[in-house]
């Protein structure tokens, strides 16, 4: 006898089955209860509470797999010998089977190229699993494919060839396949009449596989009674109805019954017990049924709500806020009574985690995770990457080091990463000793020797032919060498101390998985030769198939799970998230080695490779039905209007269907209809939503603010936010804090610091006070070009007298430049370390261009009576500018002067300062008023003042000599050195010099403006564009620049770090600023311009140009 218990969701099918089980508890040994493995725990729990402990202890439920194991324990498995192959062993054999088939020329005519691609083995493994469950052997597969067209027949033959080889390897290695268990167990049960006299109960099944049908046939033929519960309201419904999948199962079982001649009966459960209100039952019965809407007959939708969210974040906030309100309002409702289900819960996982934390909601996220990103597997797979790649990549090395399982701290890894970034270490650079200068060079080289060098040695051993056993041994030896196992144990100990026992256990399990992989490879392949590339591919596939999930961490928690896999324990409240078109139900995405059309043709020939498309579609509809039928008290359906990337999404068809069923549009809420204070379920969530809506004048927002101001911690946070709002932040640093960040005893200022502060106070504060810097990278930029120029000028002009230098030939100059450049490259750029051919090419072009600069310098010195006297003159300590400021404090300003030239005239000594710049610098009233471009003037005055290194000398001026060689690129271009006009226009100096005719002529004969920024007109006086100043003006300028220096020091001491950049000449210092993202002025709403009064004062000083004007 076969009894069917049928009914829609919540109609008491399982309860009715429990009643039948209870009646037969007296003969428990004659009962057999079968449920799907994933539902066994919940089923047993419900059965326990129904029967009581005494009766329940006499029973046990089994899955089909568990039943097979029990039969093997009772009667043995005489037709099969050996151990069962686990997933790891199967993956190894699949790879072996593919390679064996590949070795035969006549095999794999269709899949030959595809077989070498990543993922092919996994696809074949899935395909073979489905074929075996269908009960088709490789020989039958070939035989049934003979009537197919040639292309499809070839593809089927390729699969059969791999399948046949897989079966051969299983037998050769002495493995049994669990996929054959149910079929073999059915034979044993039939042979030994296991089910004779028994009553069999089956629940929670919607369909069965071919091997399960074989077991069912044995049950039906020999059992006294078989009771099957099926979720369907009409077993005779036609095709394309809601319960089509279940009805098809019913028909197949009925066919078996008719073939055997067994009587059947159908007990239909009509009354609904699950739903406490008629509106929930109405949704369950009609939402997915093709019936006309009858809103006038519908119950009032009091417990069904639909929410339209702006995005997924808004959706999660609403769900969590509702949960919190429900728990507060209903004391009997616990978190475990609430479920959140979605067809793609993985997409919502991070969004939900953040919202759960804000609302202080305990949760269990039922989600399988990939192990590939865990520390153990990252360590191992990154090691495989290094050993498999032809060229070592820095990213692979750092991924390996950052796994946390090596004897290298994260601080050391960071230092190494900075070093490699700076010197562009990659590829073969890892094979060489680190030689580039660094404070931690010894430490970094030891890390390289300790990690990279052993890997290189191991890589050489792995090349060529090796047995699997040897490869496993070599890899394990290296794991031991790295102390990875000890470090894993140490990490586990740290986790246990932090009361993270689960994480520690998970880490232990992952380490065990890694060892199992190596053991499985060693045991299965043993002495077989295999290339390391193939060996590595097998390992990656094995790792890819390992999944893990985090169990519930508390008994009372909201469950968030996939709608398809959810195992819900009678939830009172259900939230269905992501009810969007194409997602609910899921749009079927077909992929695999065979197209859907090919699968249909195969099915017509008796080859079922996978579930048919129509059945998949019906199954997805059933998932939706179960989701909307799960709640007993309340149902919330939510959907976002955009996904995480901002792409537009639309509501699912079921949303409009439910609204039309009730004829009540008010059951749909939108984001705009929810008041801000509704989200104030916790202080954290209240603060989160207040920050989003704080500019609103809504009374609800005001009430949330009042709530937050009543909590001391949030009052402090709000006060800080409000002080930052609307750009009212003063950026004023407390004086005591500033004195801790910056030493004022004395305050040491540099030329770059002075200019940086005057361009933007905040930039100086970040750079010089907080010392926030981007990692340095050695590349041929303006800085390197400038340093190279300085080195060459220092090395050549410092070596020769003026007369010797101007008499050097062009070839001699080039030779000297090459010598200095090579010294600079070796000392400052670490020679060839980390350099490629492109670097060499550009560096050589820079060096070639340098000769033009020196030719120009030769001409300038020939036309001048000034003589180079000192180079790289250091004014930072003993000869710096010392000025008083503030309340008895002192500042010290100094730097390095590129070149100091002197000249004796009529018993007076004069000094001029030369600075080499990669761009043009001008001294104007605007620059002086803003404290810009006056560093060289300060050096000049510091050197000639009392106590200065050139005390007694008169200041003759400063010259900026532009050395524009940083613009050299890979393009071929050359300035003809004979074209002196072109050279002079590019290298002409700027600056400010003493407006005395004798001094001007001492700087440049005839004063034609070729080498100094002064040109005499026909009257013998400087023209209007000349940059010169009288002696009186020079004295005033000294006092003016010193005043600017003191003003800056006082402003800094006062804590002025305002993020207001200087706009001068339509240029802002923000274009390449490192701190633009943290200055609260990224939109450049606040700027400052030169002060008109200060500009006028500077203009008056600069207006005193020429000695004759004073007379």
Foldseek 3Di string as FASTA:
>chain_A
DEEEEEEAPQLCLLVVVLVVCLVCLVPQVQEAEEEAPLQQVLSLVVSCVVNDDVSSVSHGYYYLLRLLVVLCVVPNQVVAFAEADDPLLLLVLLLVLLVVQLVDPVADPPCNVVSPDAPQSVQLVLLLLQQVLQVAALVNQLVLLPPPPPVLSRVSNNSSSSRVSSVVLCVVLRHDYSSCRLQSSLVSCLVVVVQAAHEYEYEDDQADTNSVVSNVLSNQLHHPYYYYYFNDQDLPDDPPFLSNSNSVRVVVSVVSCVVNVHDYYYHYRDDRDQAPDQLLVCCLVPLRGPDDFDQVPHDDPPFEFEEEEAELLRVLLVVLLVVLVVCVVDVVDFQLLEAEAFQCVVQCVVSNVVNCVLLVAAAFEWDKDACCPQLVNLLVLLLLVQLVDPWFFPVSVLSNVPSQLFPADPVRSVVLVLVCQALVDTTCLLVDADDADDPCSVVNSVVSVLPVVVSVVLSVVQPDKFFLLVVLVSSVVVCVSRNSVVSLVVVLVVCVVVVNNVVSVVSVVVVVLVVVSSVSSCSSRPGPIDHSVSVSSSSVVSSRPDIDGDGRPDPGHYYYYYLLSDNRNQRAEYEYEAQFACGQLHDDDDDGPDDLVSQVVVVVSVRRSDDHPSSVVSVSSNSNSCRSNRHRHHYYYYHYQAYPVRHGIHGYPSVVSSCSNNVHPVSYHYSVVDFLLSSPSDLSSLLVSLVVCVVDPDVSSVVSVVVQCVDVVSVVVVVVVVCPPPNNPQLFDDLVVLCVQAPPLPGEDEPVLLQQCLQALQLSCVCRRVNDDDSHHDALFQVVLQVLLLQLCCQQLVVDWLVVLLPDDLVRSLVSSVVSLQVCCCRVVVHCNSDDPQRVLLSVLSSVLSSLVSNLVSVQSVQALWTWDDAQAWCRPQQFDWDAADPGTIYTYTGTFGIWTWHADPNAIEIETEAEAQDADADALQCLLSSHPCNRLRVQCSQCDVSHVNPRHAYFWYKYFHDNSRPDHPDDDDDPSVPVVVSQVRGEIYTEGAAELVSCSNSGPQQCRSHYQFHADPVRGTDPRRRYAHSVLSVVSNVSSVVSVNVSVVCSSSRRRQRAGEQDPNDHPPPPRPCLVPRSCVVNPHYDYRDPVSSVVSNVSSVRGHPVVVD
